Amino acid sequence: MTPSPTEPQWRKSSYSNGAGGECVEIADLSGVTAVRDSKVPSGPRIAVRHAAWGAFVGALRQRQLG
């Protein structure tokens, strides 16, 4: 089934192993990054400005490398 043009293209982290653990999915929308629980795709979602999401991911990477 091909997603409709209005349906966000959700993706999981490359670190997700598909074993049913806690994982989030994100989708790039106009001006924001949407975040949802991969186990409950129809559940609540949050929207974070792209700059804030980038800063969050950057901080995680710094902590992982440091």
N, C-alpha and C. Protein backbone atom coordinates (compact mmCIF):
# COMPACT_ATOMS: atom_id res chain seq x y z
N MET A 1 0.84 -1.17 0.00
CA MET A 1 0.00 0.00 0.00
C MET A 1 0.89 1.24 0.00
N THR A 2 0.64 2.14 -0.90
CA THR A 2 1.41 3.37 -1.00
C THR A 2 0.80 4.42 -0.08
N PRO A 3 1.61 5.05 0.79
CA PRO A 3 1.06 6.07 1.68
C PRO A 3 0.56 7.27 0.89
N SER A 4 -0.45 7.91 1.42
CA SER A 4 -0.97 9.11 0.76
C SER A 4 0.03 10.24 0.90
N PRO A 5 -0.01 11.22 0.00
CA PRO A 5 0.95 12.33 0.09
C PRO A 5 0.83 13.12 1.39
N THR A 6 -0.34 13.07 2.04
CA THR A 6 -0.53 13.82 3.28
C THR A 6 -0.10 13.02 4.52
N GLU A 7 0.08 11.71 4.38
CA GLU A 7 0.50 10.89 5.51
C GLU A 7 2.00 11.02 5.71
N PRO A 8 2.44 11.36 6.93
CA PRO A 8 3.88 11.50 7.17
C PRO A 8 4.63 10.19 6.90
N GLN A 9 5.86 10.30 6.49
CA GLN A 9 6.72 9.15 6.29
C GLN A 9 7.51 8.91 7.59
N TRP A 10 7.04 8.00 8.40
CA TRP A 10 7.65 7.72 9.70
C TRP A 10 8.87 6.82 9.52
N ARG A 11 9.89 7.04 10.36
CA ARG A 11 11.07 6.19 10.33
C ARG A 11 11.60 5.99 11.75
N LYS A 12 12.20 4.82 11.95
CA LYS A 12 12.79 4.48 13.24
C LYS A 12 14.28 4.72 13.20
N SER A 13 14.86 4.76 14.35
CA SER A 13 16.31 4.88 14.47
C SER A 13 16.99 3.67 13.84
N SER A 14 18.16 3.90 13.29
CA SER A 14 18.95 2.78 12.76
C SER A 14 19.40 1.86 13.89
N TYR A 15 19.32 2.31 15.14
CA TYR A 15 19.68 1.49 16.28
C TYR A 15 18.54 0.58 16.72
N SER A 16 17.36 0.77 16.17
CA SER A 16 16.22 -0.07 16.52
C SER A 16 16.42 -1.47 15.94
N ASN A 17 16.27 -2.48 16.77
CA ASN A 17 16.52 -3.85 16.30
C ASN A 17 15.25 -4.60 15.96
N GLY A 18 14.08 -4.00 16.16
CA GLY A 18 12.83 -4.66 15.83
C GLY A 18 12.41 -5.74 16.81
N ALA A 19 13.06 -5.81 17.97
CA ALA A 19 12.74 -6.86 18.95
C ALA A 19 11.62 -6.45 19.89
N GLY A 20 10.93 -5.34 19.59
CA GLY A 20 9.81 -4.94 20.42
C GLY A 20 10.16 -4.06 21.60
N GLY A 21 11.38 -3.54 21.64
CA GLY A 21 11.77 -2.65 22.73
C GLY A 21 11.20 -1.26 22.55
N GLU A 22 11.52 -0.40 23.48
CA GLU A 22 11.05 0.96 23.38
C GLU A 22 11.76 1.65 22.23
N CYS A 23 11.00 2.23 21.34
CA CYS A 23 11.57 2.93 20.21
C CYS A 23 10.62 4.04 19.79
N VAL A 24 11.19 5.12 19.36
CA VAL A 24 10.38 6.20 18.83
C VAL A 24 10.53 6.23 17.32
N GLU A 25 9.54 6.82 16.68
CA GLU A 25 9.60 7.05 15.25
C GLU A 25 9.49 8.55 15.05
N ILE A 26 10.12 9.04 13.99
CA ILE A 26 10.02 10.46 13.68
C ILE A 26 9.59 10.64 12.24
N ALA A 27 9.02 11.80 11.98
CA ALA A 27 8.63 12.17 10.62
C ALA A 27 8.91 13.66 10.45
N ASP A 28 9.48 14.02 9.32
CA ASP A 28 9.73 15.43 9.03
C ASP A 28 8.47 16.03 8.43
N LEU A 29 7.97 17.06 9.08
CA LEU A 29 6.80 17.78 8.60
C LEU A 29 7.22 19.21 8.31
N SER A 30 6.33 20.00 7.86
CA SER A 30 6.62 21.39 7.53
C SER A 30 7.01 22.17 8.79
N GLY A 31 8.31 22.41 8.97
CA GLY A 31 8.80 23.21 10.09
C GLY A 31 9.00 22.48 11.39
N VAL A 32 8.53 21.23 11.49
CA VAL A 32 8.66 20.50 12.75
C VAL A 32 9.04 19.04 12.49
N THR A 33 9.55 18.41 13.54
CA THR A 33 9.78 16.97 13.53
C THR A 33 8.72 16.37 14.45
N ALA A 34 7.94 15.45 13.91
CA ALA A 34 6.91 14.77 14.70
C ALA A 34 7.54 13.53 15.32
N VAL A 35 7.15 13.22 16.55
CA VAL A 35 7.70 12.09 17.30
C VAL A 35 6.53 11.28 17.85
N ARG A 36 6.62 9.95 17.71
CA ARG A 36 5.58 9.08 18.27
C ARG A 36 6.19 7.78 18.77
N ASP A 37 5.42 7.05 19.57
CA ASP A 37 5.83 5.75 20.10
C ASP A 37 5.60 4.70 19.01
N SER A 38 6.62 3.96 18.66
CA SER A 38 6.49 2.97 17.58
C SER A 38 5.54 1.84 17.94
N LYS A 39 5.34 1.59 19.23
CA LYS A 39 4.44 0.51 19.65
C LYS A 39 2.97 0.93 19.58
N VAL A 40 2.72 2.24 19.54
CA VAL A 40 1.35 2.76 19.50
C VAL A 40 1.28 3.83 18.41
N PRO A 41 1.37 3.43 17.14
CA PRO A 41 1.43 4.42 16.07
C PRO A 41 0.21 5.32 15.95
N SER A 42 -0.93 4.86 16.45
CA SER A 42 -2.13 5.71 16.40
C SER A 42 -2.27 6.56 17.65
N GLY A 43 -1.32 6.45 18.56
CA GLY A 43 -1.38 7.19 19.82
C GLY A 43 -0.93 8.63 19.67
N PRO A 44 -0.70 9.29 20.79
CA PRO A 44 -0.32 10.71 20.76
C PRO A 44 1.02 10.93 20.07
N ARG A 45 1.15 12.11 19.53
CA ARG A 45 2.38 12.53 18.85
C ARG A 45 2.76 13.90 19.39
N ILE A 46 4.04 14.18 19.36
CA ILE A 46 4.48 15.53 19.71
C ILE A 46 5.19 16.12 18.51
N ALA A 47 5.20 17.43 18.46
CA ALA A 47 5.88 18.14 17.38
C ALA A 47 6.95 19.03 17.99
N VAL A 48 8.15 18.94 17.44
CA VAL A 48 9.30 19.70 17.93
C VAL A 48 9.89 20.45 16.75
N ARG A 49 10.22 21.70 16.95
CA ARG A 49 10.84 22.45 15.86
C ARG A 49 12.12 21.76 15.42
N HIS A 50 12.39 21.83 14.11
CA HIS A 50 13.57 21.16 13.56
C HIS A 50 14.86 21.54 14.30
N ALA A 51 15.02 22.81 14.60
CA ALA A 51 16.24 23.26 15.28
C ALA A 51 16.37 22.62 16.67
N ALA A 52 15.27 22.53 17.39
CA ALA A 52 15.29 21.92 18.72
C ALA A 52 15.59 20.42 18.62
N TRP A 53 15.00 19.75 17.63
CA TRP A 53 15.27 18.32 17.44
C TRP A 53 16.74 18.10 17.10
N GLY A 54 17.28 18.93 16.23
CA GLY A 54 18.69 18.83 15.86
C GLY A 54 19.60 19.02 17.07
N ALA A 55 19.27 19.99 17.91
CA ALA A 55 20.06 20.22 19.12
C ALA A 55 19.97 19.03 20.08
N PHE A 56 18.79 18.45 20.20
CA PHE A 56 18.59 17.28 21.06
C PHE A 56 19.43 16.10 20.57
N VAL A 57 19.35 15.79 19.28
CA VAL A 57 20.10 14.69 18.72
C VAL A 57 21.61 14.96 18.82
N GLY A 58 22.01 16.21 18.58
CA GLY A 58 23.42 16.57 18.70
C GLY A 58 23.93 16.36 20.12
N ALA A 59 23.13 16.73 21.11
CA ALA A 59 23.51 16.53 22.51
C ALA A 59 23.65 15.05 22.84
N LEU A 60 22.76 14.24 22.30
CA LEU A 60 22.86 12.78 22.53
C LEU A 60 24.13 12.22 21.92
N ARG A 61 24.44 12.68 20.73
CA ARG A 61 25.66 12.21 20.07
C ARG A 61 26.90 12.63 20.84
N GLN A 62 26.92 13.86 21.32
CA GLN A 62 28.06 14.35 22.11
C GLN A 62 28.24 13.50 23.36
N ARG A 63 27.14 13.20 24.02
CA ARG A 63 27.23 12.40 25.25
C ARG A 63 27.72 10.99 24.94
N GLN A 64 27.29 10.45 23.82
CA GLN A 64 27.71 9.12 23.44
C GLN A 64 29.20 9.07 23.10
N LEU A 65 29.70 10.13 22.48
CA LEU A 65 31.10 10.16 22.10
C LEU A 65 32.00 10.58 23.25
N GLY A 66 31.44 11.34 24.20
CA GLY A 66 32.24 11.88 25.29
C GLY A 66 32.42 10.96 26.39
